[in-house]
Amino acid sequence: MALQIRRALISVSDKQGIVELGQALAAAGVEILSTGGTFRALQEAGVEVVEVAAHTGFPEMMDGRVKTLHPKIHGGILARRGVDEAVMDANAIAPIDLIVVNLYPFAATIARADCTDEMAIENIDIGGPAMVRSGAKNHANVLTVTNPQDYAEVVQAMGSGAIDLAMRRAFAIKAFRHTAQYDATVAAYLGADDLLPDSLTLTYDKVDAMRYGENPHQAAAFYREAGPSQPGTISSYQQLQGKALSYNNIADTDAALECVKVFDGPACVIVKHANPCGVGVGADLAEAYTKAFATDPTSAFGGIIAFNQPLSGALLGSILAKQFVEVVIAPAVDDSAIEVAQQKKNVRLLVCGDLAAAGPRGRELKRVGGGLLVQDADELCLDEDALRVVSQVHPSAAQMQDLLFAWKVAWFTKSNAIVYARDLQTIGVGAGQMSRVVSAKIAGLKAAEEGLTVPGAVMASDAFFPFRDGIDAAAEAGIAAVIQPGGSMRDQEVIDTADEHGLAMVFTGIRHFRH
């Protein structure tokens, strides 16, 4: 079942390694057909090559739009050995055993700042995908290669006579995935304004295989959206130190990074099990970390720490002396931070690039049995015009600053979310409870455990209070001001309760469920 390659067709946009491959094929006595720029590159390198137009007897035309769409090309690729020889002989069609094709750089073109719609359309490849699909379909008789990284394997397999059916099938799978991703990228560009199309095709590239998923019995890998990576996101991380990232590390680091980037001043977010257990904003990162860690040192153990400004070695050293940490991520670090991290070989130190360069998150996906839930990302923190004080008591300027800080933290906390805060520091976080009242109690318990003072602090709730009991509990704990969406049938009862206790209450008009 090993394939002997006598004739190859090479037509590539990415010329990486193509001369070396051509030389190896020519040295093995393979007749090479080629087109356009690939033909010229091989010819200039001294590789004996036949132009496709000479092979077909039909010239390239329409600025290269039509060159390989010809029976002598597709017949040669699709011909079934032992079945189609008679028709091939009748039409002077020679078999083609090897296809080396990669496609017009559509993704790179649309990523350019100066890309126009005309440029994008001209970089939609037609003949290339047709040849790739033809070769992949006929992998019983043809080897189809789409990735320059595979050239060395092809040459080695030719030399050892190992281009067997298993190899051809594996390369056919790669080829179909290649064209599927290409077509999906084109469709996504042309349909960019349609968030929820009738048919949804997703394209991602594998970055890393994980040792396992959330639990050891689950297989897992990390994939990045196809195309240029986005600075300032977990997908663009660069690991400077430490052991391999796990599935849970990446999920929790994403949660920490997305939260920390919404703060303007120097900020630190510590995440444990997808929830912020401590958040602080300070005059510098050291103060921000001190505030975040003080919220809940117990939960911070083994947590993920994210910063929104470059990290120094001095600060990293003080962190590692104080606590065990799984991952530390920042936009950048200084050289001394790498040296400090190396003293703790298991600590994963990551940089992600400029947070301000991160674009919108786009779609969010949630797997359900037999399908997907799709929505646009929750990127509207609040509407300044909808923000209103509904209580008799108005929050002070300092309280309003803390309310907005707590609101941002609640935005990234699992529902039902309650956040207690003071002086741009979380002092208690209640997350993921079935009852909002229980979340409030947990936030209070956390504050009490760490000796943090609740009386005079503020509280944020990710959704409205359906009854007065949540406000009664807040008042009993000493909360002075509350921020919440409003929108309950009993809003007036809740407002009256705030007035009864002398609390300030602010409605945002925006809800932030996070399940």
Protein backbone atom coordinates (compact mmCIF):
# COMPACT_ATOMS: atom_id res chain seq x y z
CA MET A 1 0.00 0.00 0.00
CA ALA A 2 3.08 2.27 -0.06
CA LEU A 3 2.81 5.11 -2.59
CA GLN A 4 5.54 5.70 -5.14
CA ILE A 5 5.65 9.36 -6.09
CA ARG A 6 6.41 9.98 -9.76
CA ARG A 7 4.68 13.31 -10.31
CA ALA A 8 4.00 16.17 -7.85
CA LEU A 9 2.06 19.42 -8.09
CA ILE A 10 3.38 22.27 -5.95
CA SER A 11 1.47 25.55 -5.57
CA VAL A 12 2.01 27.47 -2.34
CA SER A 13 1.54 30.94 -0.96
CA ASP A 14 3.84 30.24 2.01
CA LYS A 15 7.21 29.52 0.35
CA GLN A 16 8.84 28.35 3.59
CA GLY A 17 10.94 25.26 2.84
CA ILE A 18 9.60 24.89 -0.67
CA VAL A 19 12.94 25.11 -2.48
CA GLU A 20 14.44 22.41 -0.25
CA LEU A 21 11.41 20.19 -0.83
CA GLY A 22 11.62 20.77 -4.59
CA GLN A 23 15.30 19.87 -4.61
CA ALA A 24 14.61 16.65 -2.69
CA LEU A 25 11.80 15.68 -5.05
CA ALA A 26 13.87 16.44 -8.15
CA ALA A 27 16.78 14.42 -6.74
CA ALA A 28 14.38 11.48 -6.35
CA GLY A 29 13.40 11.73 -10.02
CA VAL A 30 9.94 13.22 -9.37
CA GLU A 31 8.42 15.36 -12.15
CA ILE A 32 7.30 18.65 -10.61
CA LEU A 33 4.39 20.75 -11.87
CA SER A 34 3.97 24.24 -10.50
CA THR A 35 2.28 27.61 -10.92
CA GLY A 36 3.02 31.32 -10.72
CA GLY A 37 5.32 32.43 -7.93
CA THR A 38 6.08 28.88 -6.82
CA PHE A 39 7.21 27.96 -10.34
CA ARG A 40 9.53 30.98 -10.45
CA ALA A 41 10.97 30.28 -6.97
CA LEU A 42 11.79 26.69 -7.90
CA GLN A 43 13.14 27.60 -11.32
CA GLU A 44 15.39 30.32 -9.91
CA ALA A 45 16.75 27.78 -7.41
CA GLY A 46 17.73 25.51 -10.28
CA VAL A 47 15.00 22.94 -9.69
CA GLU A 48 13.69 21.34 -12.87
CA VAL A 49 9.99 22.21 -12.97
CA VAL A 50 7.14 22.23 -15.52
CA GLU A 51 4.71 25.13 -15.50
CA VAL A 52 1.08 24.02 -15.14
CA ALA A 53 0.11 26.04 -18.21
CA ALA A 54 2.58 24.00 -20.29
CA HIS A 55 1.23 20.77 -18.81
CA THR A 56 -2.43 21.61 -19.51
CA GLY A 57 -1.88 23.50 -22.77
CA PHE A 58 -4.07 26.23 -21.35
CA PRO A 59 -2.72 29.60 -20.12
CA GLU A 60 -3.25 31.16 -16.72
CA MET A 61 -5.81 33.93 -17.02
CA MET A 62 -7.81 36.56 -15.15
CA ASP A 63 -4.77 37.67 -13.11
CA GLY A 64 -4.18 34.11 -11.95
CA ARG A 65 -7.76 33.44 -10.89
CA VAL A 66 -7.88 30.52 -13.34
CA LYS A 67 -4.82 28.30 -13.63
CA THR A 68 -5.31 24.85 -12.03
CA LEU A 69 -9.03 24.40 -12.69
CA HIS A 70 -8.47 22.02 -15.59
CA PRO A 71 -9.27 18.32 -16.28
CA LYS A 72 -5.58 17.50 -16.70
CA ILE A 73 -5.00 18.72 -13.14
CA HIS A 74 -8.09 17.46 -11.36
CA GLY A 75 -8.28 14.33 -13.47
CA GLY A 76 -4.67 13.59 -12.54
CA ILE A 77 -5.43 14.10 -8.86
CA LEU A 78 -8.78 12.32 -8.67
CA ALA A 79 -8.00 9.36 -10.93
CA ARG A 80 -8.49 5.98 -9.29
CA ARG A 81 -5.52 3.76 -10.01
CA GLY A 82 -6.65 0.51 -11.60
CA VAL A 83 -10.06 2.00 -12.51
CA ASP A 84 -9.65 5.17 -14.58
CA GLU A 85 -6.64 4.40 -16.79
CA ALA A 86 -8.69 4.08 -19.99
CA VAL A 87 -10.27 7.50 -19.69
CA MET A 88 -6.95 8.97 -18.62
CA ASP A 89 -5.24 7.55 -21.72
CA ALA A 90 -8.06 8.77 -23.95
CA ASN A 91 -7.68 12.30 -22.65
CA ALA A 92 -3.91 12.40 -22.14
CA ILE A 93 -4.27 12.80 -18.37
CA ALA A 94 -1.16 11.92 -16.37
CA PRO A 95 -1.57 10.81 -12.71
CA ILE A 96 -0.45 13.21 -9.98
CA ASP A 97 0.72 11.42 -6.83
CA LEU A 98 1.68 14.30 -4.52
CA ILE A 99 -0.13 17.61 -3.89
CA VAL A 100 1.78 20.31 -2.00
CA VAL A 101 -0.58 23.25 -1.59
CA ASN A 102 -1.19 25.97 0.95
CA LEU A 103 -3.74 28.66 0.40
CA TYR A 104 -3.87 32.38 -0.21
CA PRO A 105 -3.15 34.18 3.10
CA PHE A 106 -6.73 35.23 3.76
CA ALA A 107 -6.44 35.36 7.58
CA ALA A 108 -3.22 37.38 7.42
CA THR A 109 -4.77 39.74 4.88
CA ILE A 110 -7.86 40.56 6.93
CA ALA A 111 -5.67 41.08 10.00
CA ARG A 112 -3.86 43.95 8.27
CA ALA A 113 -4.85 47.45 9.36
CA ASP A 114 -5.01 48.58 5.73
CA CYS A 115 -7.13 45.65 4.50
CA THR A 116 -9.98 46.63 2.22
CA ASP A 117 -12.91 44.48 1.25
CA GLU A 118 -11.48 44.19 -2.26
CA MET A 119 -8.16 42.92 -0.86
CA ALA A 120 -9.97 40.36 1.28
CA ILE A 121 -12.07 39.08 -1.63
CA GLU A 122 -9.02 38.70 -3.88
CA ASN A 123 -7.38 36.56 -1.20
CA ILE A 124 -10.18 34.00 -1.22
CA ASP A 125 -8.49 30.96 -2.75
CA ILE A 126 -10.54 28.81 -5.14
CA GLY A 127 -8.17 26.53 -7.04
CA GLY A 128 -6.09 25.74 -3.97
CA PRO A 129 -8.93 24.33 -1.84
CA ALA A 130 -10.24 22.43 -4.89
CA MET A 131 -6.87 20.68 -5.32
CA VAL A 132 -6.47 20.03 -1.60
CA ARG A 133 -9.93 18.51 -1.34
CA SER A 134 -9.40 16.46 -4.49
CA GLY A 135 -6.15 15.03 -3.22
CA ALA A 136 -7.53 14.38 0.25
CA LYS A 137 -10.58 12.63 -1.20
CA ASN A 138 -8.34 10.41 -3.30
CA HIS A 139 -5.89 9.66 -0.47
CA ALA A 140 -6.01 6.01 -1.51
CA ASN A 141 -3.77 7.11 -4.38
CA VAL A 142 -2.48 10.61 -3.51
CA LEU A 143 -0.56 12.26 -0.66
CA THR A 144 -1.77 15.79 0.10
CA VAL A 145 0.49 18.13 2.08
CA THR A 146 -0.68 21.53 3.34
CA ASN A 147 1.79 22.38 6.14
CA PRO A 148 5.46 23.28 5.54
CA GLN A 149 6.26 21.69 8.90
CA ASP A 150 5.46 18.31 7.30
CA TYR A 151 7.93 18.54 4.39
CA ALA A 152 10.77 16.80 6.25
CA GLU A 153 8.51 13.89 7.17
CA VAL A 154 7.43 13.52 3.54
CA VAL A 155 11.01 13.45 2.27
CA GLN A 156 12.00 10.92 4.93
CA ALA A 157 9.00 8.71 4.15
CA MET A 158 9.80 8.82 0.42
CA GLY A 159 13.31 7.63 1.12
CA SER A 160 12.14 4.73 3.26
CA GLY A 161 9.14 3.79 1.13
CA ALA A 162 6.82 4.51 4.06
CA ILE A 163 4.12 6.64 2.41
CA ASP A 164 1.50 4.06 3.33
CA LEU A 165 -2.27 4.39 3.50
CA ALA A 166 -2.20 5.33 7.19
CA MET A 167 0.08 8.27 6.47
CA ARG A 168 -1.97 9.36 3.47
CA ARG A 169 -5.18 9.20 5.49
CA ALA A 170 -3.63 11.20 8.35
CA PHE A 171 -2.51 13.89 5.91
CA ALA A 172 -5.96 13.86 4.25
CA ILE A 173 -7.54 14.60 7.63
CA LYS A 174 -5.16 17.53 8.08
CA ALA A 175 -6.05 18.73 4.59
CA PHE A 176 -9.80 18.69 5.17
CA ARG A 177 -9.35 20.48 8.49
CA HIS A 178 -7.18 23.04 6.72
CA THR A 179 -9.81 23.83 4.09
CA ALA A 180 -12.64 23.72 6.63
CA GLN A 181 -10.87 26.31 8.77
CA TYR A 182 -10.12 28.41 5.71
CA ASP A 183 -13.74 28.43 4.57
CA ALA A 184 -14.96 29.15 8.09
CA THR A 185 -12.58 32.12 8.32
CA VAL A 186 -13.92 33.51 5.04
CA ALA A 187 -17.53 33.00 6.16
CA ALA A 188 -16.80 34.67 9.51
CA TYR A 189 -15.29 37.69 7.76
CA LEU A 190 -18.12 38.08 5.28
CA GLY A 191 -20.73 37.50 7.99
CA ALA A 192 -18.99 39.46 10.73
CA ASP A 193 -22.15 41.40 11.56
CA ASP A 194 -24.15 38.23 12.18
CA LEU A 195 -23.43 37.20 15.78
CA LEU A 196 -25.91 34.33 15.72
CA PRO A 197 -25.90 32.84 12.19
CA ASP A 198 -28.14 29.99 11.13
CA SER A 199 -25.06 27.75 10.94
CA LEU A 200 -22.16 28.28 13.34
CA THR A 201 -18.69 27.03 12.41
CA LEU A 202 -15.83 27.64 14.85
CA THR A 203 -12.12 27.63 14.02
CA TYR A 204 -9.45 27.12 16.67
CA ASP A 205 -5.82 26.01 16.65
CA LYS A 206 -4.41 23.65 19.25
CA VAL A 207 -1.90 25.38 21.53
CA ASP A 208 -1.19 22.75 24.18
CA ALA A 209 -2.32 19.32 25.24
CA MET A 210 -3.16 19.31 28.94
CA ARG A 211 -2.14 16.44 31.22
CA TYR A 212 -5.86 16.18 31.98
CA GLY A 213 -8.99 18.30 32.29
CA GLU A 214 -10.82 19.50 35.38
CA ASN A 215 -10.27 16.02 36.81
CA PRO A 216 -7.60 13.37 36.10
CA HIS A 217 -10.00 11.11 34.21
CA GLN A 218 -10.82 13.85 31.64
CA ALA A 219 -8.73 14.43 28.49
CA ALA A 220 -8.17 18.09 27.62
CA ALA A 221 -6.33 20.56 25.40
CA PHE A 222 -6.13 24.34 25.02
CA TYR A 223 -7.13 25.89 21.69
CA ARG A 224 -6.66 29.45 20.46
CA GLU A 225 -8.99 31.20 18.04
CA ALA A 226 -7.57 30.90 14.53
CA GLY A 227 -5.82 33.99 13.24
CA PRO A 228 -3.53 36.48 14.97
CA SER A 229 -3.49 36.14 18.76
CA GLN A 230 -4.92 38.98 20.83
CA PRO A 231 -2.46 40.69 23.20
CA GLY A 232 -3.80 41.15 26.70
CA THR A 233 -5.71 37.87 26.76
CA ILE A 234 -4.95 34.41 28.11
CA SER A 235 -4.69 33.16 24.51
CA SER A 236 -1.55 35.27 24.01
CA TYR A 237 0.23 34.14 27.15
CA GLN A 238 3.96 33.53 27.14
CA GLN A 239 5.22 31.28 29.91
CA LEU A 240 8.54 32.46 31.30
CA GLN A 241 8.92 29.95 34.10
CA GLY A 242 7.33 27.01 35.83
CA LYS A 243 5.75 23.66 35.08
CA ALA A 244 3.15 23.12 32.38
CA LEU A 245 -0.20 24.85 32.75
CA SER A 246 -3.21 22.71 33.59
CA TYR A 247 -6.78 23.04 32.33
CA ASN A 248 -7.85 24.62 35.63
CA ASN A 249 -4.83 26.95 35.62
CA ILE A 250 -5.83 28.39 32.25
CA ALA A 251 -9.50 28.73 33.18
CA ASP A 252 -8.72 30.48 36.47
CA THR A 253 -6.00 32.66 34.96
CA ASP A 254 -8.47 33.85 32.34
CA ALA A 255 -10.94 34.75 35.10
CA ALA A 256 -8.28 36.71 36.99
CA LEU A 257 -6.95 38.50 33.91
CA GLU A 258 -10.37 39.52 32.62
CA CYS A 259 -11.24 40.94 36.03
CA VAL A 260 -8.01 42.84 36.66
CA LYS A 261 -8.05 44.58 33.28
CA VAL A 262 -11.25 46.52 34.11
CA PHE A 263 -9.55 48.62 36.81
CA ASP A 264 -7.86 51.91 35.92
CA GLY A 265 -5.38 52.18 38.81
CA PRO A 266 -2.73 49.64 39.83
CA ALA A 267 -4.76 46.52 40.60
CA CYS A 268 -4.37 42.95 41.78
CA VAL A 269 -6.90 40.13 41.52
CA ILE A 270 -6.49 36.78 43.25
CA VAL A 271 -8.73 34.01 41.91
CA LYS A 272 -9.55 30.64 43.36
CA HIS A 273 -11.88 28.22 41.58
CA ALA A 274 -12.98 30.83 39.02
CA ASN A 275 -13.99 33.43 41.64
CA PRO A 276 -12.08 36.48 42.85
CA CYS A 277 -11.26 35.82 46.50
CA GLY A 278 -9.41 39.11 46.86
CA VAL A 279 -9.19 42.31 44.82
CA GLY A 280 -7.34 45.52 45.56
CA VAL A 281 -6.56 48.82 43.87
CA GLY A 282 -3.73 50.88 45.32
CA ALA A 283 -1.16 53.58 44.74
CA ASP A 284 1.09 50.85 43.30
CA LEU A 285 0.96 47.10 42.66
CA ALA A 286 2.46 46.32 46.06
CA GLU A 287 -0.39 48.06 47.86
CA ALA A 288 -2.93 46.49 45.51
CA TYR A 289 -1.57 42.99 46.25
CA THR A 290 -1.51 43.64 50.01
CA LYS A 291 -5.19 44.60 49.88
CA ALA A 292 -6.15 41.63 47.73
CA PHE A 293 -4.27 39.11 49.86
CA ALA A 294 -5.67 40.51 53.11
CA THR A 295 -9.24 39.80 51.97
CA ASP A 296 -8.89 36.04 52.24
CA PRO A 297 -5.37 34.66 52.77
CA THR A 298 -6.73 31.15 53.25
CA SER A 299 -8.37 31.02 49.83
CA ALA A 300 -5.43 32.83 48.23
CA PHE A 301 -3.24 29.80 49.02
CA GLY A 302 -2.68 28.02 45.71
CA GLY A 303 -4.52 30.75 43.83
CA ILE A 304 -3.97 32.68 40.61
CA ILE A 305 -2.64 36.24 40.88
CA ALA A 306 -3.15 38.77 38.08
CA PHE A 307 -1.81 42.31 37.81
CA ASN A 308 -2.72 45.04 35.33
CA GLN A 309 0.73 46.64 35.21
CA PRO A 310 4.30 45.31 34.74
CA LEU A 311 5.52 43.24 37.70
CA SER A 312 8.84 43.77 39.47
CA GLY A 313 11.08 41.10 40.90
CA ALA A 314 10.92 42.77 44.31
CA LEU A 315 7.14 42.43 44.50
CA LEU A 316 7.17 38.88 43.16
CA GLY A 317 9.76 37.95 45.77
CA SER A 318 7.59 39.29 48.60
CA ILE A 319 4.58 37.40 47.23
CA LEU A 320 6.41 34.08 47.03
CA ALA A 321 7.77 34.57 50.53
CA LYS A 322 4.23 35.07 51.81
CA GLN A 323 2.14 32.48 50.02
CA PHE A 324 2.04 29.48 47.70
CA VAL A 325 0.79 30.50 44.27
CA GLU A 326 0.00 28.46 41.16
CA VAL A 327 0.20 31.20 38.49
CA VAL A 328 1.25 34.84 38.36
CA ILE A 329 0.32 36.81 35.24
CA ALA A 330 1.02 40.41 34.25
CA PRO A 331 1.26 42.41 31.02
CA ALA A 332 5.06 42.31 31.41
CA VAL A 333 7.74 41.60 34.02
CA ASP A 334 11.26 42.90 34.60
CA ASP A 335 14.31 40.66 34.31
CA SER A 336 14.64 40.29 38.05
CA ALA A 337 11.13 38.80 38.27
CA ILE A 338 12.25 35.86 36.12
CA GLU A 339 15.25 35.31 38.38
CA VAL A 340 13.03 35.39 41.47
CA ALA A 341 10.52 32.97 39.94
CA GLN A 342 13.29 30.50 39.13
CA GLN A 343 13.84 30.03 42.85
CA LYS A 344 10.40 28.37 42.95
CA LYS A 345 10.60 25.98 40.01
CA ASN A 346 6.90 25.08 40.02
CA VAL A 347 5.57 28.65 40.00
CA ARG A 348 4.19 29.52 36.59
CA LEU A 349 5.10 33.07 35.57
CA LEU A 350 3.20 34.39 32.54
CA VAL A 351 3.11 37.59 30.53
CA CYS A 352 0.26 38.45 28.19
CA GLY A 353 1.11 41.78 26.57
CA ASP A 354 -0.64 45.14 26.65
CA LEU A 355 -4.08 44.78 28.24
CA ALA A 356 -5.35 47.81 26.37
CA ALA A 357 -4.71 45.99 23.07
CA ALA A 358 -7.24 43.26 23.87
CA GLY A 359 -10.31 43.48 21.70
CA PRO A 360 -13.86 42.49 22.62
CA ARG A 361 -14.39 38.89 23.69
CA GLY A 362 -17.07 38.34 21.04
CA ARG A 363 -19.14 35.18 21.41
CA GLU A 364 -19.35 33.15 24.59
CA LEU A 365 -20.08 29.46 24.25
CA LYS A 366 -21.49 26.97 26.74
CA ARG A 367 -21.76 23.29 25.93
CA VAL A 368 -25.06 21.62 26.74
CA GLY A 369 -26.24 18.13 25.88
CA GLY A 370 -26.21 17.88 22.10
CA GLY A 371 -25.68 21.58 21.49
CA LEU A 372 -24.26 24.97 22.37
CA LEU A 373 -25.62 28.06 24.05
CA VAL A 374 -24.17 31.12 22.33
CA GLN A 375 -24.31 34.73 23.46
CA ASP A 376 -22.26 37.87 23.09
CA ALA A 377 -19.91 38.48 26.00
CA ASP A 378 -21.05 40.49 29.02
CA GLU A 379 -18.91 43.55 28.35
CA LEU A 380 -21.26 46.30 29.55
CA CYS A 381 -20.23 46.99 33.13
CA LEU A 382 -22.83 49.68 33.65
CA ASP A 383 -24.63 52.47 31.86
CA GLU A 384 -23.65 55.77 33.48
CA ASP A 385 -26.92 57.34 32.33
CA ALA A 386 -28.95 54.57 33.99
CA LEU A 387 -27.10 54.84 37.32
CA ARG A 388 -29.35 56.41 39.95
CA VAL A 389 -29.57 56.87 43.68
CA VAL A 390 -32.96 55.59 44.87
CA SER A 391 -32.60 56.02 48.64
CA GLN A 392 -33.10 59.08 50.81
CA VAL A 393 -29.47 58.92 51.88
CA HIS A 394 -26.96 59.59 49.11
CA PRO A 395 -23.56 57.89 49.07
CA SER A 396 -20.52 60.09 49.71
CA ALA A 397 -17.93 60.48 46.98
CA ALA A 398 -15.72 57.90 48.69
CA GLN A 399 -18.63 55.49 49.07
CA MET A 400 -19.56 55.88 45.41
CA GLN A 401 -15.98 55.07 44.43
CA ASP A 402 -16.14 51.93 46.56
CA LEU A 403 -19.56 51.01 45.20
CA LEU A 404 -18.31 51.12 41.62
CA PHE A 405 -15.22 49.14 42.63
CA ALA A 406 -17.37 46.47 44.31
CA TRP A 407 -19.68 46.43 41.29
CA LYS A 408 -16.77 45.59 39.00
CA VAL A 409 -15.73 42.72 41.27
CA ALA A 410 -19.30 41.38 41.39
CA TRP A 411 -19.31 41.50 37.59
CA PHE A 412 -16.68 38.72 37.63
CA THR A 413 -18.03 36.71 40.57
CA LYS A 414 -20.25 33.65 40.15
CA SER A 415 -23.94 34.18 40.91
CA ASN A 416 -25.38 34.70 43.39
CA ALA A 417 -22.62 37.25 44.02
CA ILE A 418 -22.25 39.56 46.99
CA VAL A 419 -19.14 41.72 47.44
CA TYR A 420 -18.26 43.77 50.52
CA ALA A 421 -15.67 46.51 49.93
CA ARG A 422 -13.97 49.45 51.60
CA ASP A 423 -11.20 51.78 50.38
CA LEU A 424 -10.89 49.98 47.03
CA GLN A 425 -10.39 46.63 48.72
CA THR A 426 -12.66 43.62 48.90
CA ILE A 427 -13.26 42.68 52.52
CA GLY A 428 -15.61 39.78 51.86
CA VAL A 429 -16.88 37.87 48.82
CA GLY A 430 -19.84 35.50 48.74
CA ALA A 431 -20.07 33.57 45.46
CA GLY A 432 -21.99 30.83 43.73
CA GLN A 433 -24.70 30.29 46.31
CA MET A 434 -28.29 29.33 45.65
CA SER A 435 -29.44 32.09 48.03
CA ARG A 436 -28.35 35.71 47.82
CA VAL A 437 -28.82 36.04 51.58
CA VAL A 438 -26.43 33.15 52.14
CA SER A 439 -23.89 34.82 49.82
CA ALA A 440 -24.16 37.97 51.96
CA LYS A 441 -23.62 35.93 55.11
CA ILE A 442 -20.55 34.27 53.61
CA ALA A 443 -19.10 37.67 52.67
CA GLY A 444 -19.60 38.76 56.26
CA LEU A 445 -18.03 35.58 57.61
CA LYS A 446 -14.99 36.05 55.39
CA ALA A 447 -14.53 39.59 56.67
CA ALA A 448 -14.89 38.49 60.28
CA GLU A 449 -12.37 35.65 59.83
CA GLU A 450 -9.72 38.10 58.68
CA GLY A 451 -10.58 40.80 61.19
CA LEU A 452 -11.73 43.21 58.51
CA THR A 453 -14.22 45.86 59.58
CA VAL A 454 -17.62 45.65 57.89
CA PRO A 455 -19.45 48.59 59.53
CA GLY A 456 -19.25 51.49 57.11
CA ALA A 457 -18.33 49.30 54.15
CA VAL A 458 -20.33 49.02 50.91
CA MET A 459 -21.98 46.05 49.25
CA ALA A 460 -22.53 45.07 45.61
CA SER A 461 -25.02 42.48 44.37
CA ASP A 462 -24.87 41.12 40.82
CA ALA A 463 -28.69 40.95 40.60
CA PHE A 464 -31.66 42.52 42.33
CA PHE A 465 -32.89 41.70 45.83
CA PRO A 466 -36.27 39.96 45.50
CA PHE A 467 -37.08 40.56 49.19
CA ARG A 468 -36.07 42.89 51.98
CA ASP A 469 -34.20 40.18 53.89
CA GLY A 470 -30.94 40.78 51.98
CA ILE A 471 -30.98 44.46 52.92
CA ASP A 472 -31.88 43.64 56.53
CA ALA A 473 -28.88 41.32 56.68
CA ALA A 474 -26.61 43.97 55.17
CA ALA A 475 -27.78 46.57 57.66
CA GLU A 476 -27.27 44.16 60.54
CA ALA A 477 -23.68 43.62 59.37
CA GLY A 478 -23.09 47.38 59.29
CA ILE A 479 -23.12 47.95 55.51
CA ALA A 480 -23.54 51.68 54.76
CA ALA A 481 -24.30 51.64 51.02
CA VAL A 482 -25.55 49.12 48.46
CA ILE A 483 -25.30 48.93 44.68
CA GLN A 484 -27.58 46.56 42.78
CA PRO A 485 -29.40 46.40 39.43
CA GLY A 486 -32.94 46.93 40.65
CA GLY A 487 -35.83 45.58 38.64
CA SER A 488 -37.62 43.47 41.25
CA MET A 489 -41.38 43.54 41.70
CA ARG A 490 -40.56 44.50 45.29
CA ASP A 491 -38.08 47.26 44.51
CA GLN A 492 -40.07 49.79 46.51
CA GLU A 493 -40.10 47.48 49.52
CA VAL A 494 -36.34 47.07 49.22
CA ILE A 495 -35.83 50.85 48.86
CA ASP A 496 -38.05 51.47 51.90
CA THR A 497 -35.97 48.96 53.85
CA ALA A 498 -32.78 50.80 52.91
CA ASP A 499 -34.36 54.06 54.06
CA GLU A 500 -35.51 52.40 57.26
CA HIS A 501 -31.92 51.45 58.05
CA GLY A 502 -30.39 54.70 56.78
CA LEU A 503 -28.52 52.99 53.93
CA ALA A 504 -27.61 54.60 50.63
CA MET A 505 -28.79 52.55 47.65
CA VAL A 506 -27.81 52.86 44.00
CA PHE A 507 -29.52 51.11 41.08
CA THR A 508 -27.45 50.32 37.98
CA GLY A 509 -30.17 49.00 35.68
CA ILE A 510 -27.66 46.34 34.56
CA ARG A 511 -27.58 42.74 35.78
CA HIS A 512 -24.49 40.52 35.82
CA PHE A 513 -25.51 36.89 36.23
CA ARG A 514 -22.45 34.65 35.79
CA HIS A 515 -23.27 30.96 35.88
